Amino acid sequence: MGVRSSHPGWWLLALLLSPLPAWAHGSIPGANVFYDGFLHPFLAPAHAISLAALALWLGGQGEARKGLVIGGLALGLLAGALLAGRLGDPNTDLALLLLALACSLMVAFQWQGPRWWVASLTFALGAAVALGSGDPAFSGSPRLILIAGACVGAVILVGQIAFWVDELVVRYRLRPALIAVRIVSSWLSAITLLLVALAWTAR
């Protein structure tokens, strides 16, 4: 009981490190190519963590910068999708985890950063998500549909989390929501650091 209440993040970490087949590349039972790609950002640990961290950061940016963040992410996803045909299926997990670490630390310390940093970070994250979503088992049109589904899933994942952060933290200024966002961002930072260390030692 003490471990469960004092260290809830360890349960999340154990879940992320569980070797579930759906988190790797490959078809998800019952899903067509588009939905296979659509679900990838939700089920691949590095993708889900980086997009969630970006969404927490985006939700607190305010109206003046939301267009910059959304535009950077969209351009990054587009660039990654276009480059995926030539670059094949590069492993972008380490890059995504480092970007997630940057986003989660900025949320925890409430640092927004200059506009060029915002644009560069979101572009790089979008490109890494798209590049890392092309299953080499697919080729031609199915692969393009797969990547398109992943891009749509990434946008929806970021949009939903950012919307609720904006509503609860920025608009209504609910203190419990603000505390929850900081706790989640802190745990994301800790989990990401551990996953980066594991990925680096595995190289």
N, C-alpha and C. Protein backbone atom coordinates (compact mmCIF):
# COMPACT_ATOMS: atom_id res chain seq x y z
N MET A 1 0.83 -1.19 0.00
CA MET A 1 0.00 0.00 0.00
C MET A 1 0.86 1.24 0.00
N GLY A 2 1.98 1.22 0.81
CA GLY A 2 2.85 2.38 0.86
C GLY A 2 3.51 2.66 -0.47
N VAL A 3 3.94 1.60 -1.18
CA VAL A 3 4.61 1.79 -2.46
C VAL A 3 3.65 2.35 -3.49
N ARG A 4 2.40 1.86 -3.48
CA ARG A 4 1.43 2.30 -4.47
C ARG A 4 1.10 3.78 -4.29
N SER A 5 0.94 4.23 -3.06
CA SER A 5 0.54 5.61 -2.82
C SER A 5 1.71 6.58 -2.91
N SER A 6 2.93 6.13 -2.53
CA SER A 6 4.06 7.04 -2.49
C SER A 6 4.77 7.16 -3.83
N HIS A 7 4.70 6.12 -4.64
CA HIS A 7 5.46 6.11 -5.89
C HIS A 7 4.59 5.68 -7.06
N PRO A 8 3.58 6.49 -7.43
CA PRO A 8 2.70 6.09 -8.53
C PRO A 8 3.41 6.05 -9.86
N GLY A 9 4.48 6.81 -9.98
CA GLY A 9 5.19 6.86 -11.26
C GLY A 9 5.85 5.54 -11.63
N TRP A 10 6.23 4.73 -10.60
CA TRP A 10 6.87 3.45 -10.90
C TRP A 10 5.92 2.51 -11.64
N TRP A 11 4.62 2.64 -11.35
CA TRP A 11 3.64 1.80 -12.06
C TRP A 11 3.58 2.20 -13.52
N LEU A 12 3.62 3.52 -13.77
CA LEU A 12 3.64 3.99 -15.15
C LEU A 12 4.90 3.55 -15.86
N LEU A 13 6.04 3.62 -15.17
CA LEU A 13 7.30 3.21 -15.77
C LEU A 13 7.28 1.72 -16.11
N ALA A 14 6.76 0.91 -15.19
CA ALA A 14 6.68 -0.53 -15.44
C ALA A 14 5.79 -0.82 -16.64
N LEU A 15 4.71 -0.06 -16.77
CA LEU A 15 3.79 -0.24 -17.90
C LEU A 15 4.48 0.12 -19.21
N LEU A 16 5.25 1.22 -19.19
CA LEU A 16 5.94 1.65 -20.41
C LEU A 16 7.01 0.67 -20.85
N LEU A 17 7.63 0.00 -19.89
CA LEU A 17 8.70 -0.93 -20.21
C LEU A 17 8.20 -2.34 -20.50
N SER A 18 6.89 -2.56 -20.34
CA SER A 18 6.33 -3.88 -20.62
C SER A 18 6.43 -4.18 -22.11
N PRO A 19 6.89 -5.36 -22.50
CA PRO A 19 7.10 -5.68 -23.91
C PRO A 19 5.82 -6.09 -24.61
N LEU A 20 4.85 -5.17 -24.72
CA LEU A 20 3.62 -5.49 -25.43
C LEU A 20 3.85 -5.44 -26.93
N PRO A 21 3.38 -6.41 -27.70
CA PRO A 21 3.63 -6.46 -29.14
C PRO A 21 3.09 -5.25 -29.88
N ALA A 22 1.99 -4.67 -29.43
CA ALA A 22 1.38 -3.56 -30.15
C ALA A 22 2.25 -2.33 -30.14
N TRP A 23 3.23 -2.25 -29.23
CA TRP A 23 4.06 -1.06 -29.15
C TRP A 23 5.17 -1.10 -30.18
N ALA A 24 5.47 -2.20 -30.72
CA ALA A 24 6.51 -2.29 -31.74
C ALA A 24 5.87 -2.08 -33.10
N HIS A 25 6.73 -2.00 -34.14
CA HIS A 25 6.18 -1.94 -35.49
C HIS A 25 5.46 -3.25 -35.78
N GLY A 26 4.47 -3.16 -36.61
CA GLY A 26 3.70 -4.35 -36.96
C GLY A 26 2.23 -4.05 -36.93
N SER A 27 1.45 -4.93 -37.54
CA SER A 27 0.02 -4.71 -37.63
C SER A 27 -0.65 -4.95 -36.28
N ILE A 28 -1.63 -4.12 -35.97
CA ILE A 28 -2.43 -4.29 -34.77
C ILE A 28 -3.66 -5.10 -35.17
N PRO A 29 -3.94 -6.19 -34.48
CA PRO A 29 -5.06 -7.04 -34.88
C PRO A 29 -6.36 -6.26 -34.99
N GLY A 30 -7.06 -6.44 -36.11
CA GLY A 30 -8.35 -5.80 -36.33
C GLY A 30 -8.28 -4.40 -36.88
N ALA A 31 -7.09 -3.87 -37.10
CA ALA A 31 -6.95 -2.50 -37.61
C ALA A 31 -6.45 -2.53 -39.05
N ASN A 32 -7.03 -1.64 -39.89
CA ASN A 32 -6.50 -1.53 -41.24
C ASN A 32 -5.25 -0.67 -41.22
N VAL A 33 -4.67 -0.40 -42.39
CA VAL A 33 -3.38 0.28 -42.46
C VAL A 33 -3.45 1.67 -41.83
N PHE A 34 -4.51 2.43 -42.15
CA PHE A 34 -4.61 3.79 -41.63
C PHE A 34 -4.71 3.78 -40.10
N TYR A 35 -5.57 2.94 -39.54
CA TYR A 35 -5.74 2.91 -38.09
C TYR A 35 -4.53 2.30 -37.40
N ASP A 36 -3.82 1.43 -38.10
CA ASP A 36 -2.56 0.91 -37.59
C ASP A 36 -1.59 2.07 -37.36
N GLY A 37 -1.51 2.96 -38.35
CA GLY A 37 -0.67 4.14 -38.19
C GLY A 37 -1.23 5.12 -37.18
N PHE A 38 -2.54 5.29 -37.19
CA PHE A 38 -3.21 6.23 -36.28
C PHE A 38 -2.92 5.89 -34.82
N LEU A 39 -2.92 4.60 -34.48
CA LEU A 39 -2.73 4.17 -33.10
C LEU A 39 -1.26 4.16 -32.68
N HIS A 40 -0.36 4.22 -33.66
CA HIS A 40 1.07 4.12 -33.35
C HIS A 40 1.55 5.19 -32.36
N PRO A 41 1.21 6.48 -32.53
CA PRO A 41 1.66 7.48 -31.56
C PRO A 41 1.12 7.27 -30.15
N PHE A 42 -0.01 6.59 -30.03
CA PHE A 42 -0.60 6.33 -28.72
C PHE A 42 0.06 5.13 -28.03
N LEU A 43 0.61 4.20 -28.81
CA LEU A 43 1.10 2.94 -28.26
C LEU A 43 2.61 2.81 -28.22
N ALA A 44 3.33 3.55 -29.06
CA ALA A 44 4.80 3.50 -29.04
C ALA A 44 5.29 4.40 -27.91
N PRO A 45 6.01 3.88 -26.93
CA PRO A 45 6.38 4.66 -25.74
C PRO A 45 7.06 5.99 -26.03
N ALA A 46 8.09 6.00 -26.88
CA ALA A 46 8.82 7.24 -27.15
C ALA A 46 7.93 8.28 -27.82
N HIS A 47 7.08 7.82 -28.74
CA HIS A 47 6.16 8.73 -29.41
C HIS A 47 5.13 9.30 -28.43
N ALA A 48 4.52 8.44 -27.63
CA ALA A 48 3.48 8.89 -26.70
C ALA A 48 4.04 9.85 -25.66
N ILE A 49 5.22 9.54 -25.11
CA ILE A 49 5.82 10.39 -24.09
C ILE A 49 6.17 11.76 -24.66
N SER A 50 6.80 11.78 -25.84
CA SER A 50 7.22 13.06 -26.43
C SER A 50 6.02 13.92 -26.81
N LEU A 51 4.99 13.32 -27.37
CA LEU A 51 3.80 14.07 -27.76
C LEU A 51 3.03 14.56 -26.54
N ALA A 52 2.97 13.75 -25.48
CA ALA A 52 2.30 14.19 -24.25
C ALA A 52 3.05 15.35 -23.61
N ALA A 53 4.38 15.27 -23.58
CA ALA A 53 5.17 16.36 -23.02
C ALA A 53 5.00 17.64 -23.84
N LEU A 54 4.99 17.50 -25.16
CA LEU A 54 4.76 18.66 -26.03
C LEU A 54 3.38 19.26 -25.77
N ALA A 55 2.38 18.41 -25.60
CA ALA A 55 1.01 18.89 -25.37
C ALA A 55 0.89 19.64 -24.06
N LEU A 56 1.55 19.14 -23.01
CA LEU A 56 1.53 19.85 -21.73
C LEU A 56 2.15 21.23 -21.86
N TRP A 57 3.22 21.29 -22.64
CA TRP A 57 3.89 22.58 -22.87
C TRP A 57 3.03 23.49 -23.73
N LEU A 58 2.45 22.92 -24.79
CA LEU A 58 1.61 23.70 -25.69
C LEU A 58 0.41 24.28 -24.95
N GLY A 59 -0.20 23.49 -24.06
CA GLY A 59 -1.38 23.95 -23.35
C GLY A 59 -1.15 25.19 -22.52
N GLY A 60 0.09 25.41 -22.08
CA GLY A 60 0.39 26.56 -21.26
C GLY A 60 1.03 27.71 -22.01
N GLN A 61 1.09 27.62 -23.32
CA GLN A 61 1.77 28.65 -24.11
C GLN A 61 0.96 29.93 -24.26
N GLY A 62 -0.36 29.84 -24.19
CA GLY A 62 -1.18 31.03 -24.42
C GLY A 62 -1.49 31.21 -25.89
N GLU A 63 -2.48 32.01 -26.19
CA GLU A 63 -2.97 32.18 -27.55
C GLU A 63 -1.91 32.72 -28.51
N ALA A 64 -1.03 33.60 -28.02
CA ALA A 64 -0.07 34.26 -28.89
C ALA A 64 0.90 33.28 -29.54
N ARG A 65 1.17 32.16 -28.89
CA ARG A 65 2.18 31.23 -29.40
C ARG A 65 1.62 29.91 -29.90
N LYS A 66 0.35 29.68 -29.72
CA LYS A 66 -0.22 28.39 -30.13
C LYS A 66 -0.07 28.16 -31.63
N GLY A 67 -0.28 29.23 -32.42
CA GLY A 67 -0.13 29.09 -33.86
C GLY A 67 1.28 28.69 -34.25
N LEU A 68 2.27 29.24 -33.54
CA LEU A 68 3.67 28.91 -33.82
C LEU A 68 3.96 27.45 -33.51
N VAL A 69 3.45 26.97 -32.38
CA VAL A 69 3.69 25.58 -31.99
C VAL A 69 2.98 24.62 -32.94
N ILE A 70 1.72 24.89 -33.23
CA ILE A 70 0.95 24.02 -34.11
C ILE A 70 1.54 24.02 -35.52
N GLY A 71 1.94 25.21 -36.00
CA GLY A 71 2.56 25.29 -37.32
C GLY A 71 3.87 24.54 -37.39
N GLY A 72 4.69 24.67 -36.34
CA GLY A 72 5.97 23.93 -36.31
C GLY A 72 5.77 22.44 -36.29
N LEU A 73 4.79 21.97 -35.51
CA LEU A 73 4.51 20.54 -35.46
C LEU A 73 3.99 20.03 -36.79
N ALA A 74 3.07 20.77 -37.41
CA ALA A 74 2.51 20.35 -38.69
C ALA A 74 3.58 20.29 -39.78
N LEU A 75 4.44 21.32 -39.84
CA LEU A 75 5.51 21.32 -40.83
C LEU A 75 6.51 20.19 -40.58
N GLY A 76 6.78 19.92 -39.32
CA GLY A 76 7.68 18.82 -38.99
C GLY A 76 7.12 17.47 -39.40
N LEU A 77 5.83 17.26 -39.13
CA LEU A 77 5.19 16.01 -39.54
C LEU A 77 5.21 15.85 -41.05
N LEU A 78 4.95 16.95 -41.76
CA LEU A 78 4.96 16.91 -43.22
C LEU A 78 6.35 16.61 -43.74
N ALA A 79 7.37 17.30 -43.20
CA ALA A 79 8.74 17.07 -43.64
C ALA A 79 9.18 15.63 -43.36
N GLY A 80 8.84 15.12 -42.17
CA GLY A 80 9.20 13.75 -41.84
C GLY A 80 8.52 12.74 -42.74
N ALA A 81 7.24 13.00 -43.06
CA ALA A 81 6.51 12.09 -43.95
C ALA A 81 7.12 12.08 -45.35
N LEU A 82 7.54 13.26 -45.83
CA LEU A 82 8.14 13.34 -47.17
C LEU A 82 9.52 12.69 -47.20
N LEU A 83 10.27 12.79 -46.10
CA LEU A 83 11.61 12.22 -46.06
C LEU A 83 11.60 10.73 -45.75
N ALA A 84 10.49 10.22 -45.24
CA ALA A 84 10.43 8.81 -44.85
C ALA A 84 10.67 7.88 -46.02
N GLY A 85 10.25 8.29 -47.23
CA GLY A 85 10.46 7.45 -48.40
C GLY A 85 11.93 7.23 -48.71
N ARG A 86 12.74 8.27 -48.51
CA ARG A 86 14.18 8.17 -48.82
C ARG A 86 14.99 7.61 -47.66
N LEU A 87 14.60 7.95 -46.45
CA LEU A 87 15.39 7.55 -45.29
C LEU A 87 14.97 6.21 -44.71
N GLY A 88 13.91 5.63 -45.24
CA GLY A 88 13.46 4.33 -44.76
C GLY A 88 12.79 4.44 -43.41
N ASP A 89 13.26 3.67 -42.43
CA ASP A 89 12.65 3.64 -41.11
C ASP A 89 13.71 3.87 -40.04
N PRO A 90 14.24 5.10 -39.94
CA PRO A 90 15.28 5.36 -38.94
C PRO A 90 14.72 5.27 -37.53
N ASN A 91 15.55 4.84 -36.60
CA ASN A 91 15.13 4.76 -35.21
C ASN A 91 15.25 6.15 -34.58
N THR A 92 14.12 6.78 -34.35
CA THR A 92 14.11 8.14 -33.81
C THR A 92 13.75 8.18 -32.32
N ASP A 93 13.73 7.02 -31.68
CA ASP A 93 13.29 6.96 -30.28
C ASP A 93 14.16 7.82 -29.36
N LEU A 94 15.48 7.74 -29.52
CA LEU A 94 16.37 8.51 -28.65
C LEU A 94 16.16 10.01 -28.85
N ALA A 95 16.01 10.43 -30.10
CA ALA A 95 15.75 11.84 -30.38
C ALA A 95 14.43 12.28 -29.76
N LEU A 96 13.41 11.44 -29.87
CA LEU A 96 12.10 11.77 -29.30
C LEU A 96 12.17 11.87 -27.78
N LEU A 97 12.92 10.99 -27.16
CA LEU A 97 13.04 11.03 -25.70
C LEU A 97 13.77 12.28 -25.24
N LEU A 98 14.80 12.69 -25.97
CA LEU A 98 15.51 13.92 -25.62
C LEU A 98 14.61 15.15 -25.80
N LEU A 99 13.82 15.16 -26.85
CA LEU A 99 12.87 16.25 -27.06
C LEU A 99 11.78 16.25 -25.99
N ALA A 100 11.34 15.05 -25.60
CA ALA A 100 10.36 14.95 -24.52
C ALA A 100 10.93 15.48 -23.21
N LEU A 101 12.20 15.18 -22.96
CA LEU A 101 12.85 15.67 -21.75
C LEU A 101 12.88 17.20 -21.74
N ALA A 102 13.21 17.79 -22.89
CA ALA A 102 13.24 19.25 -22.99
C ALA A 102 11.86 19.84 -22.71
N CYS A 103 10.82 19.27 -23.31
CA CYS A 103 9.45 19.78 -23.12
C CYS A 103 8.99 19.64 -21.68
N SER A 104 9.23 18.47 -21.09
CA SER A 104 8.76 18.24 -19.72
C SER A 104 9.49 19.13 -18.72
N LEU A 105 10.78 19.38 -18.94
CA LEU A 105 11.51 20.28 -18.05
C LEU A 105 11.02 21.71 -18.19
N MET A 106 10.67 22.12 -19.40
CA MET A 106 10.15 23.47 -19.59
C MET A 106 8.80 23.64 -18.90
N VAL A 107 8.00 22.57 -18.90
CA VAL A 107 6.72 22.63 -18.19
C VAL A 107 6.97 22.72 -16.69
N ALA A 108 7.86 21.88 -16.19
CA ALA A 108 8.13 21.84 -14.75
C ALA A 108 8.67 23.18 -14.24
N PHE A 109 9.52 23.84 -15.05
CA PHE A 109 10.11 25.11 -14.64
C PHE A 109 9.36 26.32 -15.20
N GLN A 110 8.25 26.06 -15.91
CA GLN A 110 7.41 27.12 -16.47
C GLN A 110 8.23 28.08 -17.34
N TRP A 111 9.06 27.51 -18.19
CA TRP A 111 9.88 28.30 -19.11
C TRP A 111 9.34 28.13 -20.52
N GLN A 112 9.00 29.23 -21.18
CA GLN A 112 8.42 29.16 -22.52
C GLN A 112 9.49 29.18 -23.61
N GLY A 113 10.56 29.90 -23.40
CA GLY A 113 11.63 29.95 -24.39
C GLY A 113 11.34 30.94 -25.51
N PRO A 114 12.38 31.34 -26.25
CA PRO A 114 12.19 32.27 -27.38
C PRO A 114 11.43 31.61 -28.53
N ARG A 115 10.92 32.42 -29.43
CA ARG A 115 10.08 31.90 -30.52
C ARG A 115 10.85 30.94 -31.43
N TRP A 116 12.13 31.24 -31.70
CA TRP A 116 12.90 30.37 -32.59
C TRP A 116 13.08 28.98 -31.96
N TRP A 117 13.20 28.94 -30.63
CA TRP A 117 13.34 27.66 -29.93
C TRP A 117 12.04 26.87 -30.00
N VAL A 118 10.93 27.58 -29.81
CA VAL A 118 9.62 26.94 -29.88
C VAL A 118 9.41 26.31 -31.26
N ALA A 119 9.69 27.09 -32.31
CA ALA A 119 9.49 26.59 -33.67
C ALA A 119 10.41 25.41 -33.98
N SER A 120 11.67 25.52 -33.58
CA SER A 120 12.66 24.46 -33.86
C SER A 120 12.32 23.17 -33.13
N LEU A 121 11.94 23.30 -31.86
CA LEU A 121 11.64 22.11 -31.06
C LEU A 121 10.43 21.37 -31.60
N THR A 122 9.37 22.10 -31.89
CA THR A 122 8.16 21.44 -32.38
C THR A 122 8.37 20.85 -33.78
N PHE A 123 9.14 21.54 -34.62
CA PHE A 123 9.43 21.01 -35.96
C PHE A 123 10.21 19.70 -35.84
N ALA A 124 11.25 19.71 -35.00
CA ALA A 124 12.08 18.52 -34.85
C ALA A 124 11.27 17.35 -34.29
N LEU A 125 10.39 17.63 -33.34
CA LEU A 125 9.59 16.56 -32.75
C LEU A 125 8.62 15.98 -33.78
N GLY A 126 7.97 16.85 -34.54
CA GLY A 126 7.06 16.36 -35.58
C GLY A 126 7.78 15.52 -36.62
N ALA A 127 8.95 15.97 -37.05
CA ALA A 127 9.72 15.22 -38.05
C ALA A 127 10.14 13.85 -37.52
N ALA A 128 10.56 13.81 -36.25
CA ALA A 128 10.99 12.54 -35.65
C ALA A 128 9.82 11.57 -35.51
N VAL A 129 8.64 12.10 -35.18
CA VAL A 129 7.46 11.23 -35.07
C VAL A 129 7.11 10.61 -36.42
N ALA A 130 7.07 11.44 -37.46
CA ALA A 130 6.72 10.94 -38.79
C ALA A 130 7.76 9.95 -39.31
N LEU A 131 9.04 10.29 -39.13
CA LEU A 131 10.11 9.40 -39.61
C LEU A 131 10.09 8.06 -38.89
N GLY A 132 9.72 8.06 -37.63
CA GLY A 132 9.73 6.83 -36.85
C GLY A 132 8.44 6.04 -36.92
N SER A 133 7.53 6.45 -37.79
CA SER A 133 6.22 5.77 -37.87
C SER A 133 6.06 4.92 -39.13
N GLY A 134 7.08 4.85 -39.96
CA GLY A 134 6.98 4.08 -41.20
C GLY A 134 7.45 2.66 -41.02
N ASP A 135 6.53 1.76 -40.90
CA ASP A 135 6.87 0.33 -40.73
C ASP A 135 7.50 -0.17 -42.02
N PRO A 136 8.74 -0.72 -41.97
CA PRO A 136 9.38 -1.23 -43.18
C PRO A 136 8.66 -2.41 -43.81
N ALA A 137 7.71 -3.01 -43.08
CA ALA A 137 6.94 -4.12 -43.65
C ALA A 137 5.97 -3.63 -44.72
N PHE A 138 5.71 -2.32 -44.74
CA PHE A 138 4.82 -1.74 -45.73
C PHE A 138 5.64 -0.97 -46.76
N SER A 139 5.14 -0.90 -47.97
CA SER A 139 5.80 -0.14 -49.02
C SER A 139 4.75 0.47 -49.94
N GLY A 140 5.16 1.46 -50.71
CA GLY A 140 4.24 2.09 -51.65
C GLY A 140 3.12 2.83 -50.96
N SER A 141 1.93 2.75 -51.52
CA SER A 141 0.77 3.47 -50.99
C SER A 141 0.42 3.07 -49.56
N PRO A 142 0.43 1.78 -49.20
CA PRO A 142 0.12 1.42 -47.81
C PRO A 142 1.05 2.10 -46.80
N ARG A 143 2.31 2.25 -47.17
CA ARG A 143 3.25 2.90 -46.24
C ARG A 143 2.93 4.38 -46.07
N LEU A 144 2.55 5.02 -47.18
CA LEU A 144 2.15 6.43 -47.11
C LEU A 144 0.89 6.59 -46.26
N ILE A 145 -0.06 5.67 -46.43
CA ILE A 145 -1.29 5.72 -45.63
C ILE A 145 -0.97 5.49 -44.15
N LEU A 146 -0.04 4.58 -43.89
CA LEU A 146 0.39 4.30 -42.52
C LEU A 146 0.95 5.55 -41.86
N ILE A 147 1.86 6.25 -42.56
CA ILE A 147 2.48 7.45 -42.02
C ILE A 147 1.45 8.56 -41.87
N ALA A 148 0.53 8.68 -42.84
CA ALA A 148 -0.52 9.69 -42.75
C ALA A 148 -1.39 9.44 -41.51
N GLY A 149 -1.72 8.19 -41.25
CA GLY A 149 -2.50 7.86 -40.06
C GLY A 149 -1.76 8.23 -38.79
N ALA A 150 -0.44 7.98 -38.77
CA ALA A 150 0.36 8.34 -37.59
C ALA A 150 0.38 9.84 -37.37
N CYS A 151 0.47 10.61 -38.45
CA CYS A 151 0.47 12.07 -38.34
C CYS A 151 -0.86 12.58 -37.79
N VAL A 152 -1.97 12.01 -38.27
CA VAL A 152 -3.29 12.40 -37.77
C VAL A 152 -3.42 12.03 -36.29
N GLY A 153 -2.98 10.84 -35.92
CA GLY A 153 -3.03 10.42 -34.52
C GLY A 153 -2.20 11.33 -33.63
N ALA A 154 -1.02 11.73 -34.12
CA ALA A 154 -0.16 12.61 -33.33
C ALA A 154 -0.82 13.96 -33.09
N VAL A 155 -1.44 14.51 -34.12
CA VAL A 155 -2.11 15.81 -33.99
C VAL A 155 -3.27 15.72 -33.00
N ILE A 156 -4.06 14.65 -33.08
CA ILE A 156 -5.20 14.49 -32.17
C ILE A 156 -4.73 14.30 -30.73
N LEU A 157 -3.68 13.50 -30.54
CA LEU A 157 -3.15 13.28 -29.19
C LEU A 157 -2.69 14.60 -28.57
N VAL A 158 -1.90 15.36 -29.32
CA VAL A 158 -1.41 16.65 -28.82
C VAL A 158 -2.57 17.62 -28.60
N GLY A 159 -3.49 17.68 -29.57
CA GLY A 159 -4.59 18.62 -29.47
C GLY A 159 -5.49 18.39 -28.28
N GLN A 160 -5.80 17.13 -27.99
CA GLN A 160 -6.70 16.82 -26.88
C GLN A 160 -6.08 17.17 -25.53
N ILE A 161 -4.83 16.78 -25.33
CA ILE A 161 -4.17 17.09 -24.05
C ILE A 161 -3.98 18.59 -23.90
N ALA A 162 -3.52 19.25 -24.95
CA ALA A 162 -3.28 20.70 -24.89
C ALA A 162 -4.57 21.45 -24.63
N PHE A 163 -5.68 21.00 -25.22
CA PHE A 163 -6.97 21.66 -25.01
C PHE A 163 -7.36 21.67 -23.53
N TRP A 164 -7.24 20.52 -22.89
CA TRP A 164 -7.67 20.44 -21.49
C TRP A 164 -6.71 21.17 -20.57
N VAL A 165 -5.41 21.16 -20.89
CA VAL A 165 -4.47 21.95 -20.10
C VAL A 165 -4.80 23.43 -20.21
N ASP A 166 -5.09 23.87 -21.44
CA ASP A 166 -5.44 25.27 -21.66
C ASP A 166 -6.72 25.64 -20.92
N GLU A 167 -7.73 24.77 -21.00
CA GLU A 167 -9.01 25.05 -20.35
C GLU A 167 -8.87 25.11 -18.83
N LEU A 168 -8.23 24.11 -18.25
CA LEU A 168 -8.22 23.99 -16.80
C LEU A 168 -7.15 24.85 -16.12
N VAL A 169 -6.00 24.99 -16.78
CA VAL A 169 -4.88 25.71 -16.17
C VAL A 169 -4.84 27.17 -16.57
N VAL A 170 -4.94 27.44 -17.88
CA VAL A 170 -4.81 28.82 -18.36
C VAL A 170 -6.11 29.59 -18.23
N ARG A 171 -7.21 29.00 -18.71
CA ARG A 171 -8.48 29.73 -18.72
C ARG A 171 -9.12 29.82 -17.34
N TYR A 172 -9.29 28.69 -16.68
CA TYR A 172 -9.99 28.68 -15.38
C TYR A 172 -9.04 28.77 -14.19
N ARG A 173 -7.74 28.61 -14.45
CA ARG A 173 -6.71 28.73 -13.40
C ARG A 173 -7.01 27.86 -12.18
N LEU A 174 -7.34 26.63 -12.44
CA LEU A 174 -7.62 25.69 -11.34
C LEU A 174 -6.30 25.21 -10.74
N ARG A 175 -6.11 25.49 -9.48
CA ARG A 175 -4.84 25.14 -8.84
C ARG A 175 -4.58 23.63 -8.84
N PRO A 176 -5.59 22.78 -8.56
CA PRO A 176 -5.32 21.33 -8.63
C PRO A 176 -4.84 20.90 -10.01
N ALA A 177 -5.38 21.51 -11.08
CA ALA A 177 -4.94 21.16 -12.43
C ALA A 177 -3.50 21.59 -12.66
N LEU A 178 -3.15 22.77 -12.17
CA LEU A 178 -1.77 23.25 -12.32
C LEU A 178 -0.80 22.34 -11.60
N ILE A 179 -1.16 21.93 -10.38
CA ILE A 179 -0.31 21.02 -9.61
C ILE A 179 -0.19 19.68 -10.33
N ALA A 180 -1.31 19.19 -10.87
CA ALA A 180 -1.29 17.91 -11.59
C ALA A 180 -0.38 17.98 -12.80
N VAL A 181 -0.44 19.08 -13.55
CA VAL A 181 0.42 19.23 -14.73
C VAL A 181 1.89 19.22 -14.34
N ARG A 182 2.23 19.90 -13.25
CA ARG A 182 3.62 19.93 -12.81
C ARG A 182 4.09 18.56 -12.33
N ILE A 183 3.21 17.84 -11.64
CA ILE A 183 3.57 16.49 -11.19
C ILE A 183 3.80 15.56 -12.38
N VAL A 184 2.88 15.62 -13.34
CA VAL A 184 3.00 14.77 -14.53
C VAL A 184 4.27 15.11 -15.30
N SER A 185 4.55 16.40 -15.46
CA SER A 185 5.75 16.81 -16.20
C SER A 185 7.01 16.37 -15.47
N SER A 186 7.00 16.41 -14.15
CA SER A 186 8.16 15.96 -13.38
C SER A 186 8.38 14.46 -13.55
N TRP A 187 7.28 13.69 -13.52
CA TRP A 187 7.40 12.25 -13.71
C TRP A 187 7.82 11.92 -15.14
N LEU A 188 7.32 12.68 -16.10
CA LEU A 188 7.76 12.48 -17.48
C LEU A 188 9.26 12.72 -17.61
N SER A 189 9.76 13.75 -16.92
CA SER A 189 11.20 14.03 -16.95
C SER A 189 11.99 12.87 -16.37
N ALA A 190 11.53 12.35 -15.23
CA ALA A 190 12.24 11.25 -14.58
C ALA A 190 12.21 9.98 -15.44
N ILE A 191 11.03 9.66 -15.96
CA ILE A 191 10.89 8.46 -16.79
C ILE A 191 11.71 8.59 -18.06
N THR A 192 11.69 9.79 -18.66
CA THR A 192 12.43 10.00 -19.90
C THR A 192 13.93 9.88 -19.66
N LEU A 193 14.42 10.42 -18.54
CA LEU A 193 15.84 10.31 -18.23
C LEU A 193 16.26 8.84 -18.11
N LEU A 194 15.42 8.04 -17.45
CA LEU A 194 15.73 6.62 -17.31
C LEU A 194 15.72 5.91 -18.66
N LEU A 195 14.72 6.22 -19.50
CA LEU A 195 14.64 5.59 -20.82
C LEU A 195 15.80 6.04 -21.72
N VAL A 196 16.23 7.30 -21.60
CA VAL A 196 17.38 7.76 -22.37
C VAL A 196 18.64 7.01 -21.94
N ALA A 197 18.80 6.83 -20.63
CA ALA A 197 19.96 6.09 -20.13
C ALA A 197 19.94 4.65 -20.64
N LEU A 198 18.77 4.02 -20.62
CA LEU A 198 18.66 2.64 -21.11
C LEU A 198 18.95 2.57 -22.61
N ALA A 199 18.41 3.53 -23.37
CA ALA A 199 18.64 3.55 -24.82
C ALA A 199 20.11 3.82 -25.14
N TRP A 200 20.74 4.68 -24.35
CA TRP A 200 22.14 5.02 -24.62
C TRP A 200 23.06 3.84 -24.31
N THR A 201 22.81 3.14 -23.22
CA THR A 201 23.64 1.99 -22.86
C THR A 201 23.44 0.83 -23.82
N ALA A 202 22.29 0.79 -24.48
CA ALA A 202 21.99 -0.30 -25.42
C ALA A 202 22.63 -0.08 -26.78
N ARG A 203 23.17 1.12 -27.03
CA ARG A 203 23.77 1.41 -28.34
C ARG A 203 25.07 0.67 -28.53
